[in-house]
Structures are given as structure tokens and as C-alpha cells.
N, C-alpha and C. Protein backbone atom coordinates (compact mmCIF):
# COMPACT_ATOMS: atom_id res chain seq x y z
N MET A 1 0.83 -1.20 0.00
CA MET A 1 0.00 0.00 0.00
C MET A 1 0.88 1.27 0.00
N PHE A 2 1.91 1.29 0.88
CA PHE A 2 2.79 2.45 0.98
C PHE A 2 3.50 2.71 -0.34
N ARG A 3 3.95 1.61 -1.02
CA ARG A 3 4.66 1.77 -2.29
C ARG A 3 3.77 2.39 -3.35
N LYS A 4 2.48 2.20 -3.29
CA LYS A 4 1.55 2.77 -4.27
C LYS A 4 1.31 4.26 -3.98
N LEU A 5 1.44 4.66 -2.73
CA LEU A 5 1.21 6.06 -2.36
C LEU A 5 2.40 6.95 -2.69
N VAL A 6 3.61 6.42 -2.65
CA VAL A 6 4.81 7.24 -2.86
C VAL A 6 4.77 7.96 -4.21
N PRO A 7 4.48 7.29 -5.36
CA PRO A 7 4.43 8.03 -6.62
C PRO A 7 3.35 9.13 -6.62
N ALA A 8 2.22 8.84 -5.98
CA ALA A 8 1.15 9.85 -5.94
C ALA A 8 1.59 11.07 -5.13
N VAL A 9 2.25 10.84 -4.01
CA VAL A 9 2.72 11.94 -3.16
C VAL A 9 3.78 12.75 -3.91
N VAL A 10 4.71 12.06 -4.59
CA VAL A 10 5.76 12.75 -5.35
C VAL A 10 5.13 13.58 -6.46
N LEU A 11 4.13 13.03 -7.16
CA LEU A 11 3.45 13.77 -8.23
C LEU A 11 2.75 15.01 -7.68
N LEU A 12 2.05 14.87 -6.57
CA LEU A 12 1.36 16.03 -5.97
C LEU A 12 2.37 17.10 -5.54
N ALA A 13 3.49 16.68 -4.97
CA ALA A 13 4.51 17.65 -4.55
C ALA A 13 5.08 18.38 -5.76
N ALA A 14 5.33 17.65 -6.85
CA ALA A 14 5.87 18.28 -8.06
C ALA A 14 4.89 19.27 -8.65
N VAL A 15 3.61 18.92 -8.67
CA VAL A 15 2.58 19.84 -9.19
C VAL A 15 2.50 21.07 -8.30
N GLY A 16 2.57 20.87 -6.98
CA GLY A 16 2.52 22.01 -6.05
C GLY A 16 3.68 22.96 -6.22
N VAL A 17 4.88 22.42 -6.41
CA VAL A 17 6.07 23.25 -6.60
C VAL A 17 6.00 23.98 -7.93
N ALA A 18 5.54 23.29 -8.98
CA ALA A 18 5.44 23.92 -10.30
C ALA A 18 4.44 25.06 -10.28
N GLY A 19 3.39 24.97 -9.46
CA GLY A 19 2.38 26.01 -9.39
C GLY A 19 2.83 27.23 -8.60
N CYS A 20 3.85 27.08 -7.80
CA CYS A 20 4.36 28.19 -6.99
C CYS A 20 5.44 28.93 -7.77
N SER A 21 5.34 30.22 -7.80
CA SER A 21 6.42 30.99 -8.44
C SER A 21 7.10 31.81 -7.35
N PRO A 22 8.39 32.02 -7.49
CA PRO A 22 9.07 32.84 -6.47
C PRO A 22 8.49 34.25 -6.49
N GLU A 23 8.55 34.91 -5.35
CA GLU A 23 8.02 36.27 -5.26
C GLU A 23 8.72 37.16 -6.29
N GLU A 24 7.92 37.97 -6.95
CA GLU A 24 8.46 38.85 -8.00
C GLU A 24 9.46 39.84 -7.42
N LYS A 25 10.56 40.04 -8.13
CA LYS A 25 11.60 40.98 -7.70
C LYS A 25 11.10 42.41 -7.86
N LEU A 26 11.16 43.17 -6.78
CA LEU A 26 10.83 44.59 -6.81
C LEU A 26 12.09 45.39 -6.55
N TYR A 27 12.18 46.54 -7.20
CA TYR A 27 13.35 47.41 -7.08
C TYR A 27 12.98 48.66 -6.31
N ASP A 28 13.93 49.17 -5.55
CA ASP A 28 13.69 50.36 -4.72
C ASP A 28 13.93 51.64 -5.51
N VAL A 29 13.07 52.61 -5.23
CA VAL A 29 13.21 53.94 -5.80
C VAL A 29 13.29 54.91 -4.62
N SER A 30 14.31 55.74 -4.61
CA SER A 30 14.43 56.76 -3.56
C SER A 30 14.75 58.08 -4.26
N GLY A 31 14.56 59.16 -3.54
CA GLY A 31 14.88 60.45 -4.13
C GLY A 31 14.26 61.60 -3.36
N THR A 32 14.11 62.70 -4.08
CA THR A 32 13.56 63.92 -3.48
C THR A 32 12.43 64.46 -4.34
N VAL A 33 11.52 65.17 -3.66
CA VAL A 33 10.43 65.87 -4.34
C VAL A 33 10.43 67.30 -3.82
N THR A 34 10.53 68.24 -4.74
CA THR A 34 10.49 69.66 -4.39
C THR A 34 9.36 70.35 -5.15
N HIS A 35 8.97 71.51 -4.65
CA HIS A 35 7.96 72.35 -5.29
C HIS A 35 8.36 73.80 -5.02
N GLN A 36 8.45 74.57 -6.07
CA GLN A 36 8.91 75.95 -5.98
C GLN A 36 10.29 76.03 -5.31
N GLY A 37 11.12 75.03 -5.60
CA GLY A 37 12.49 75.00 -5.10
C GLY A 37 12.65 74.55 -3.66
N LYS A 38 11.54 74.19 -2.98
CA LYS A 38 11.61 73.79 -1.58
C LYS A 38 11.17 72.33 -1.44
N PRO A 39 11.74 71.61 -0.46
CA PRO A 39 11.32 70.23 -0.24
C PRO A 39 9.84 70.16 0.14
N VAL A 40 9.12 69.19 -0.39
CA VAL A 40 7.73 68.97 0.00
C VAL A 40 7.75 68.44 1.44
N ALA A 41 7.07 69.14 2.36
CA ALA A 41 7.12 68.80 3.78
C ALA A 41 6.60 67.40 4.07
N LYS A 42 5.48 67.06 3.49
CA LYS A 42 4.86 65.75 3.72
C LYS A 42 4.07 65.40 2.47
N GLY A 43 4.04 64.12 2.15
CA GLY A 43 3.27 63.73 0.98
C GLY A 43 3.37 62.27 0.66
N LEU A 44 2.90 61.92 -0.51
CA LEU A 44 2.90 60.55 -1.00
C LEU A 44 3.28 60.55 -2.47
N ILE A 45 4.02 59.52 -2.89
CA ILE A 45 4.33 59.33 -4.30
C ILE A 45 3.91 57.90 -4.65
N PHE A 46 3.18 57.77 -5.76
CA PHE A 46 2.69 56.47 -6.22
C PHE A 46 3.27 56.18 -7.60
N PHE A 47 3.60 54.91 -7.83
CA PHE A 47 4.08 54.45 -9.12
C PHE A 47 3.08 53.42 -9.63
N ASP A 48 2.18 53.84 -10.53
CA ASP A 48 1.14 52.97 -11.06
C ASP A 48 1.61 52.37 -12.38
N PRO A 49 1.83 51.04 -12.45
CA PRO A 49 2.33 50.44 -13.69
C PRO A 49 1.28 50.51 -14.80
N ASP A 50 1.69 50.97 -15.98
CA ASP A 50 0.74 51.11 -17.09
C ASP A 50 0.20 49.76 -17.56
N GLY A 51 0.96 48.69 -17.39
CA GLY A 51 0.52 47.38 -17.84
C GLY A 51 -0.12 46.54 -16.75
N GLY A 52 -0.46 47.12 -15.62
CA GLY A 52 -1.01 46.36 -14.51
C GLY A 52 0.11 45.81 -13.63
N GLY A 53 -0.26 45.24 -12.52
CA GLY A 53 0.72 44.69 -11.60
C GLY A 53 0.76 45.49 -10.32
N PRO A 54 1.74 45.18 -9.45
CA PRO A 54 1.78 45.84 -8.15
C PRO A 54 2.14 47.33 -8.25
N GLN A 55 1.46 48.10 -7.44
CA GLN A 55 1.72 49.54 -7.38
C GLN A 55 2.88 49.79 -6.41
N GLY A 56 3.80 50.66 -6.81
CA GLY A 56 4.85 51.10 -5.91
C GLY A 56 4.41 52.39 -5.23
N PHE A 57 4.94 52.64 -4.05
CA PHE A 57 4.58 53.88 -3.35
C PHE A 57 5.60 54.18 -2.27
N ALA A 58 5.58 55.42 -1.81
CA ALA A 58 6.42 55.82 -0.68
C ALA A 58 5.85 57.08 -0.05
N SER A 59 6.12 57.25 1.23
CA SER A 59 5.79 58.48 1.94
C SER A 59 6.89 59.49 1.67
N ILE A 60 6.51 60.76 1.61
CA ILE A 60 7.47 61.85 1.45
C ILE A 60 7.56 62.58 2.79
N GLU A 61 8.77 62.73 3.29
CA GLU A 61 9.02 63.45 4.55
C GLU A 61 10.17 64.42 4.30
N ASP A 62 9.93 65.70 4.51
CA ASP A 62 10.96 66.72 4.30
C ASP A 62 11.61 66.59 2.93
N GLY A 63 10.79 66.30 1.92
CA GLY A 63 11.25 66.23 0.54
C GLY A 63 11.88 64.91 0.12
N LYS A 64 12.04 63.97 1.05
CA LYS A 64 12.71 62.71 0.73
C LYS A 64 11.74 61.54 0.77
N PHE A 65 11.98 60.57 -0.12
CA PHE A 65 11.18 59.35 -0.11
C PHE A 65 12.08 58.16 -0.43
N ASP A 66 11.61 56.98 -0.01
CA ASP A 66 12.35 55.74 -0.28
C ASP A 66 11.36 54.59 -0.19
N THR A 67 11.17 53.88 -1.30
CA THR A 67 10.22 52.76 -1.30
C THR A 67 10.70 51.62 -0.41
N ALA A 68 11.96 51.62 0.02
CA ALA A 68 12.50 50.56 0.87
C ALA A 68 12.19 50.77 2.35
N THR A 69 11.63 51.92 2.72
CA THR A 69 11.33 52.19 4.12
C THR A 69 10.22 51.25 4.59
N PRO A 70 10.50 50.39 5.57
CA PRO A 70 9.50 49.43 6.03
C PRO A 70 8.21 50.11 6.48
N GLY A 71 7.09 49.59 6.00
CA GLY A 71 5.78 50.11 6.37
C GLY A 71 5.39 51.40 5.67
N GLN A 72 6.31 52.00 4.91
CA GLN A 72 6.00 53.27 4.26
C GLN A 72 6.34 53.27 2.78
N GLY A 73 6.56 52.09 2.23
CA GLY A 73 6.89 52.05 0.81
C GLY A 73 6.85 50.65 0.24
N LYS A 74 6.79 50.60 -1.08
CA LYS A 74 6.84 49.35 -1.82
C LYS A 74 7.48 49.65 -3.17
N GLY A 75 8.41 48.79 -3.58
CA GLY A 75 9.18 49.01 -4.80
C GLY A 75 8.41 48.76 -6.09
N ILE A 76 9.14 48.81 -7.20
CA ILE A 76 8.57 48.69 -8.54
C ILE A 76 9.20 47.52 -9.29
N ARG A 77 8.55 47.09 -10.37
CA ARG A 77 9.09 46.02 -11.23
C ARG A 77 9.97 46.58 -12.33
N GLY A 78 9.71 47.79 -12.74
CA GLY A 78 10.35 48.38 -13.91
C GLY A 78 9.37 48.42 -15.06
N GLY A 79 9.54 49.39 -15.94
CA GLY A 79 8.63 49.56 -17.08
C GLY A 79 8.05 50.96 -17.10
N LYS A 80 6.95 51.12 -17.83
CA LYS A 80 6.31 52.43 -17.95
C LYS A 80 5.30 52.61 -16.81
N TYR A 81 5.41 53.75 -16.15
CA TYR A 81 4.57 54.05 -14.99
C TYR A 81 3.90 55.41 -15.13
N THR A 82 2.73 55.51 -14.50
CA THR A 82 2.12 56.81 -14.25
C THR A 82 2.51 57.14 -12.81
N VAL A 83 3.20 58.26 -12.64
CA VAL A 83 3.66 58.68 -11.31
C VAL A 83 2.68 59.74 -10.81
N ARG A 84 2.21 59.55 -9.58
CA ARG A 84 1.30 60.52 -8.95
C ARG A 84 1.95 61.04 -7.67
N ILE A 85 1.94 62.36 -7.52
CA ILE A 85 2.55 62.98 -6.34
C ILE A 85 1.51 63.87 -5.66
N ASN A 86 1.37 63.67 -4.35
CA ASN A 86 0.52 64.52 -3.53
C ASN A 86 1.41 65.19 -2.49
N GLY A 87 1.35 66.51 -2.40
CA GLY A 87 2.20 67.25 -1.47
C GLY A 87 1.40 68.10 -0.51
N PHE A 88 1.85 68.13 0.74
CA PHE A 88 1.16 68.86 1.79
C PHE A 88 2.16 69.70 2.60
N ASP A 89 1.63 70.68 3.35
CA ASP A 89 2.51 71.57 4.11
C ASP A 89 3.01 70.97 5.42
N GLY A 90 2.46 69.85 5.86
CA GLY A 90 2.91 69.19 7.08
C GLY A 90 2.37 69.78 8.36
N LYS A 91 1.52 70.79 8.28
CA LYS A 91 0.94 71.41 9.47
C LYS A 91 -0.35 70.65 9.81
N VAL A 92 -0.23 69.70 10.72
CA VAL A 92 -1.31 68.79 11.06
C VAL A 92 -2.51 69.54 11.65
N ALA A 93 -3.69 69.15 11.20
CA ALA A 93 -4.95 69.69 11.71
C ALA A 93 -5.89 68.51 11.95
N PRO A 94 -6.98 68.73 12.71
CA PRO A 94 -7.88 67.61 13.03
C PRO A 94 -8.35 66.80 11.80
N GLU A 95 -8.68 67.44 10.73
CA GLU A 95 -9.16 66.72 9.56
C GLU A 95 -8.16 66.74 8.40
N ALA A 96 -6.93 67.08 8.71
CA ALA A 96 -5.87 67.10 7.70
C ALA A 96 -4.59 66.55 8.32
N PRO A 97 -4.46 65.20 8.39
CA PRO A 97 -3.29 64.62 9.07
C PRO A 97 -1.94 64.94 8.42
N PHE A 98 -1.94 65.33 7.13
CA PHE A 98 -0.70 65.72 6.46
C PHE A 98 -0.61 67.23 6.30
N GLY A 99 -1.66 67.94 6.72
CA GLY A 99 -1.71 69.39 6.54
C GLY A 99 -2.48 69.74 5.28
N ALA A 100 -2.34 70.97 4.85
CA ALA A 100 -3.04 71.46 3.65
C ALA A 100 -2.25 71.10 2.39
N ALA A 101 -2.98 70.82 1.33
CA ALA A 101 -2.34 70.52 0.05
C ALA A 101 -1.62 71.77 -0.46
N VAL A 102 -0.40 71.59 -0.96
CA VAL A 102 0.36 72.73 -1.51
C VAL A 102 0.25 72.77 -3.03
N PHE A 103 -0.28 71.71 -3.63
CA PHE A 103 -0.57 71.66 -5.06
C PHE A 103 -1.56 70.52 -5.30
N PRO A 104 -2.35 70.61 -6.38
CA PRO A 104 -3.25 69.49 -6.69
C PRO A 104 -2.42 68.26 -7.09
N GLU A 105 -3.00 67.08 -6.97
CA GLU A 105 -2.26 65.87 -7.34
C GLU A 105 -1.61 66.06 -8.71
N HIS A 106 -0.33 65.78 -8.77
CA HIS A 106 0.44 65.94 -10.00
C HIS A 106 0.73 64.57 -10.58
N THR A 107 0.44 64.38 -11.88
CA THR A 107 0.69 63.10 -12.53
C THR A 107 1.51 63.29 -13.80
N PHE A 108 2.30 62.28 -14.11
CA PHE A 108 3.09 62.26 -15.36
C PHE A 108 3.51 60.83 -15.63
N SER A 109 3.93 60.55 -16.86
CA SER A 109 4.41 59.22 -17.24
C SER A 109 5.92 59.18 -17.23
N LYS A 110 6.46 58.02 -16.84
CA LYS A 110 7.91 57.87 -16.80
C LYS A 110 8.27 56.40 -16.96
N GLU A 111 9.29 56.16 -17.75
CA GLU A 111 9.87 54.81 -17.89
C GLU A 111 10.87 54.64 -16.76
N LEU A 112 10.68 53.61 -15.95
CA LEU A 112 11.58 53.34 -14.84
C LEU A 112 12.27 51.99 -15.07
N PRO A 113 13.59 51.96 -15.07
CA PRO A 113 14.29 50.70 -15.33
C PRO A 113 14.11 49.69 -14.20
N ALA A 114 14.29 48.42 -14.52
CA ALA A 114 14.19 47.33 -13.54
C ALA A 114 15.50 47.26 -12.77
N GLN A 115 15.71 48.25 -11.89
CA GLN A 115 16.90 48.31 -11.05
C GLN A 115 16.65 49.29 -9.92
N ASN A 116 17.41 49.19 -8.84
CA ASN A 116 17.33 50.18 -7.77
C ASN A 116 17.79 51.51 -8.35
N GLN A 117 17.14 52.61 -7.95
CA GLN A 117 17.46 53.89 -8.57
C GLN A 117 17.10 55.07 -7.68
N THR A 118 17.68 56.20 -8.05
CA THR A 118 17.38 57.49 -7.41
C THR A 118 16.60 58.31 -8.42
N PHE A 119 15.56 58.96 -7.93
CA PHE A 119 14.66 59.72 -8.79
C PHE A 119 14.32 61.03 -8.08
N ASP A 120 14.80 62.14 -8.60
CA ASP A 120 14.52 63.46 -8.03
C ASP A 120 13.56 64.19 -8.95
N TYR A 121 12.60 64.92 -8.36
CA TYR A 121 11.59 65.56 -9.19
C TYR A 121 11.16 66.90 -8.59
N GLU A 122 11.05 67.90 -9.45
CA GLU A 122 10.53 69.22 -9.11
C GLU A 122 9.12 69.29 -9.65
N VAL A 123 8.12 69.39 -8.75
CA VAL A 123 6.73 69.51 -9.18
C VAL A 123 6.54 70.90 -9.76
N PRO A 124 6.14 71.00 -11.04
CA PRO A 124 5.99 72.33 -11.64
C PRO A 124 4.81 73.10 -11.06
N VAL A 125 4.90 74.42 -11.13
CA VAL A 125 3.80 75.29 -10.71
C VAL A 125 2.77 75.30 -11.83
N LYS A 126 1.51 75.02 -11.47
CA LYS A 126 0.45 75.03 -12.47
C LYS A 126 0.12 76.46 -12.84
N LYS A 127 0.02 76.71 -14.15
CA LYS A 127 -0.36 78.04 -14.61
C LYS A 127 -1.87 78.18 -14.55
N LYS A 128 -2.32 79.34 -14.11
CA LYS A 128 -3.77 79.57 -13.97
C LYS A 128 -4.37 80.10 -15.22
């Protein structure tokens, strides 16, 4: 009986291993975000992949961000992304935990290589 079960167990294990893929490699993006030449006090930066997949993100503190910061970021796969930046003045209020917005959400497209990288960006002033 045991000899008949061994091939079945080996087959099930092989199917289980074949169905599992290693966790996808994500790359870290760090850098600075400024607006009107000054560091953004507090904010968020999102990396939305144009082809679907996991979203990268990071918190912005005193103009700096790093997707590798535990609990405050997630890396990217590489490829074409829509980058979204939200910036705030950092002056906490009861209904504004990041403070008041210093500019409306800013979006743009960018090709990001599949590697760890530094990315610095100056959010342009919107013309009225």
C-alpha cells in the first residue's frame, strides 16, 4: 500500500512546486520631491504600472522618499509608470493629518528601469 502512495505523493509535490512561483523581484526607488524649489514637507508618491501589476509607493518626509522604508513604501518592477505625487505643508490639523495641500495631485508618465534607482523631481507650478 505504501509503495503505491509514494508516486502519488511525489506527483502532488511536483505539481505544487510547479504552481508556486518565487516572489516577483521589486526594485527600490528613492529620491527627493520639491515644489517651488523647496522640499515637500509631507506627501505621497505612487508608481502605477501602465501594464497592470503591483503599485509602488512611498511616503514623502521633508522632501525625501524611499520605497525601501518598512511600512511606508513598496518598490517597482520596472517599465512604464504613471507617477502621482501629492504634497502637503505638514501642518497637522484635526481633519488634515498631512496638513493642507500645496498643489493638486500631480501626474506624469515615466519609464523606470528594472533596477534600484534614485529619482529626483521638481513639481511644476500650475499656470492659472
